[in-house]
Amino acid sequence: MPRTSDPKTNPQTGWTGVGQAWVLLSELISALAVWGGIGYGLDRWFHTWPVFFAIGMVVGYAGGAYLIYRRGFAPQSRPRKEEPRT
């Protein structure tokens, strides 16, 4: 059997889930950056450092954790069965 880097043809490679792991990590980091940035901007606008930044980081973490759960661990929806036509 020829060696290939395609995980579909060679499941013994150690890199099968690395792409998915990078997607999950980048979603968490981007959610924290976006919501933390929004909170930072609101703190600068209202001169209330670090109130909105902290709230933004918590919201960002919760949103990132939800995205990770939804993409990686949520039960997959089953395709609907088509009913016979009468």
C-alpha atoms as a PDB file:
ATOM      1  CA  MET A   1       0.000   0.000   0.000  1.00  0.00           C
ATOM      2  CA  PRO A   2       1.524   3.365  -0.961  1.00  0.00           C
ATOM      3  CA  ARG A   3       1.950   5.942   1.782  1.00  0.00           C
ATOM      4  CA  THR A   4      -0.106   9.074   1.327  1.00  0.00           C
ATOM      5  CA  SER A   5      -0.791  12.053   3.528  1.00  0.00           C
ATOM      6  CA  ASP A   6      -4.533  11.878   2.883  1.00  0.00           C
ATOM      7  CA  PRO A   7      -6.211  10.883   6.196  1.00  0.00           C
ATOM      8  CA  LYS A   8      -9.113   9.311   4.316  1.00  0.00           C
ATOM      9  CA  THR A   9      -6.855   6.745   2.691  1.00  0.00           C
ATOM     10  CA  ASN A  10      -4.407   6.316   5.580  1.00  0.00           C
ATOM     11  CA  PRO A  11      -6.101   6.508   8.994  1.00  0.00           C
ATOM     12  CA  GLN A  12      -2.889   5.536  10.823  1.00  0.00           C
ATOM     13  CA  THR A  13      -1.372   8.992  10.435  1.00  0.00           C
ATOM     14  CA  GLY A  14      -0.998  10.962  13.631  1.00  0.00           C
ATOM     15  CA  TRP A  15      -2.309  14.153  12.061  1.00  0.00           C
ATOM     16  CA  THR A  16      -5.922  13.181  11.429  1.00  0.00           C
ATOM     17  CA  GLY A  17      -7.613  15.592  13.848  1.00  0.00           C
ATOM     18  CA  VAL A  18      -5.096  18.420  13.883  1.00  0.00           C
ATOM     19  CA  GLY A  19      -7.020  20.557  11.398  1.00  0.00           C
ATOM     20  CA  GLN A  20     -10.180  20.303  13.468  1.00  0.00           C
ATOM     21  CA  ALA A  21      -8.239  21.172  16.633  1.00  0.00           C
ATOM     22  CA  TRP A  22      -6.826  24.317  15.008  1.00  0.00           C
ATOM     23  CA  VAL A  23     -10.311  25.355  13.911  1.00  0.00           C
ATOM     24  CA  LEU A  24     -11.656  24.950  17.449  1.00  0.00           C
ATOM     25  CA  LEU A  25      -8.719  26.845  18.982  1.00  0.00           C
ATOM     26  CA  SER A  26      -8.984  29.688  16.488  1.00  0.00           C
ATOM     27  CA  GLU A  27     -12.731  30.014  17.116  1.00  0.00           C
ATOM     28  CA  LEU A  28     -12.138  30.338  20.852  1.00  0.00           C
ATOM     29  CA  ILE A  29      -9.343  32.883  20.432  1.00  0.00           C
ATOM     30  CA  SER A  30     -11.263  34.926  17.881  1.00  0.00           C
ATOM     31  CA  ALA A  31     -14.383  35.033  20.078  1.00  0.00           C
ATOM     32  CA  LEU A  32     -12.273  36.271  22.994  1.00  0.00           C
ATOM     33  CA  ALA A  33     -10.540  38.855  20.799  1.00  0.00           C
ATOM     34  CA  VAL A  34     -13.748  40.188  19.249  1.00  0.00           C
ATOM     35  CA  TRP A  35     -15.782  40.483  22.436  1.00  0.00           C
ATOM     36  CA  GLY A  36     -12.796  41.624  24.491  1.00  0.00           C
ATOM     37  CA  GLY A  37     -12.139  44.281  21.847  1.00  0.00           C
ATOM     38  CA  ILE A  38     -15.745  45.420  21.950  1.00  0.00           C
ATOM     39  CA  GLY A  39     -15.541  45.653  25.742  1.00  0.00           C
ATOM     40  CA  TYR A  40     -12.256  47.545  25.529  1.00  0.00           C
ATOM     41  CA  GLY A  41     -13.772  50.003  23.080  1.00  0.00           C
ATOM     42  CA  LEU A  42     -16.778  50.579  25.314  1.00  0.00           C
ATOM     43  CA  ASP A  43     -14.486  51.102  28.310  1.00  0.00           C
ATOM     44  CA  ARG A  44     -12.489  53.692  26.392  1.00  0.00           C
ATOM     45  CA  TRP A  45     -15.693  55.406  25.289  1.00  0.00           C
ATOM     46  CA  PHE A  46     -17.345  55.484  28.716  1.00  0.00           C
ATOM     47  CA  HIS A  47     -14.115  55.752  30.805  1.00  0.00           C
ATOM     48  CA  THR A  48     -15.055  52.738  32.913  1.00  0.00           C
ATOM     49  CA  TRP A  49     -11.942  50.540  32.687  1.00  0.00           C
ATOM     50  CA  PRO A  50     -12.135  47.381  33.167  1.00  0.00           C
ATOM     51  CA  VAL A  51     -15.888  46.849  33.540  1.00  0.00           C
ATOM     52  CA  PHE A  52     -16.937  46.305  29.924  1.00  0.00           C
ATOM     53  CA  PHE A  53     -13.638  44.617  29.047  1.00  0.00           C
ATOM     54  CA  ALA A  54     -14.243  41.979  31.729  1.00  0.00           C
ATOM     55  CA  ILE A  55     -17.838  41.514  30.609  1.00  0.00           C
ATOM     56  CA  GLY A  56     -16.661  41.224  26.989  1.00  0.00           C
ATOM     57  CA  MET A  57     -14.085  38.590  27.901  1.00  0.00           C
ATOM     58  CA  VAL A  58     -16.675  36.527  29.764  1.00  0.00           C
ATOM     59  CA  VAL A  59     -19.154  36.804  26.885  1.00  0.00           C
ATOM     60  CA  GLY A  60     -16.380  35.957  24.412  1.00  0.00           C
ATOM     61  CA  TYR A  61     -15.349  32.890  26.378  1.00  0.00           C
ATOM     62  CA  ALA A  62     -18.944  31.710  26.659  1.00  0.00           C
ATOM     63  CA  GLY A  63     -19.514  32.268  22.937  1.00  0.00           C
ATOM     64  CA  GLY A  64     -16.287  30.494  22.020  1.00  0.00           C
ATOM     65  CA  ALA A  65     -17.110  27.562  24.285  1.00  0.00           C
ATOM     66  CA  TYR A  66     -20.543  27.328  22.667  1.00  0.00           C
ATOM     67  CA  LEU A  67     -19.001  27.329  19.187  1.00  0.00           C
ATOM     68  CA  ILE A  68     -16.566  24.591  20.222  1.00  0.00           C
ATOM     69  CA  TYR A  69     -19.407  22.523  21.663  1.00  0.00           C
ATOM     70  CA  ARG A  70     -21.592  23.039  18.612  1.00  0.00           C
ATOM     71  CA  ARG A  71     -18.868  22.159  16.115  1.00  0.00           C
ATOM     72  CA  GLY A  72     -17.046  19.411  17.983  1.00  0.00           C
ATOM     73  CA  PHE A  73     -19.284  17.750  20.517  1.00  0.00           C
ATOM     74  CA  ALA A  74     -22.939  18.396  19.743  1.00  0.00           C
ATOM     75  CA  PRO A  75     -24.929  15.427  18.497  1.00  0.00           C
ATOM     76  CA  GLN A  76     -25.143  15.424  14.733  1.00  0.00           C
ATOM     77  CA  SER A  77     -28.576  15.873  13.255  1.00  0.00           C
ATOM     78  CA  ARG A  78     -29.817  12.874  11.354  1.00  0.00           C
ATOM     79  CA  PRO A  79     -30.996  13.297   7.795  1.00  0.00           C
ATOM     80  CA  ARG A  80     -34.739  13.156   7.554  1.00  0.00           C
ATOM     81  CA  LYS A  81     -36.261  10.097   5.990  1.00  0.00           C
ATOM     82  CA  GLU A  82     -38.332  10.789   2.992  1.00  0.00           C
ATOM     83  CA  GLU A  83     -41.831   9.471   3.327  1.00  0.00           C
ATOM     84  CA  PRO A  84     -43.180   7.385   0.482  1.00  0.00           C
ATOM     85  CA  ARG A  85     -45.381   9.340  -1.855  1.00  0.00           C
ATOM     86  CA  THR A  86     -48.906   8.071  -2.236  1.00  0.00           C
END
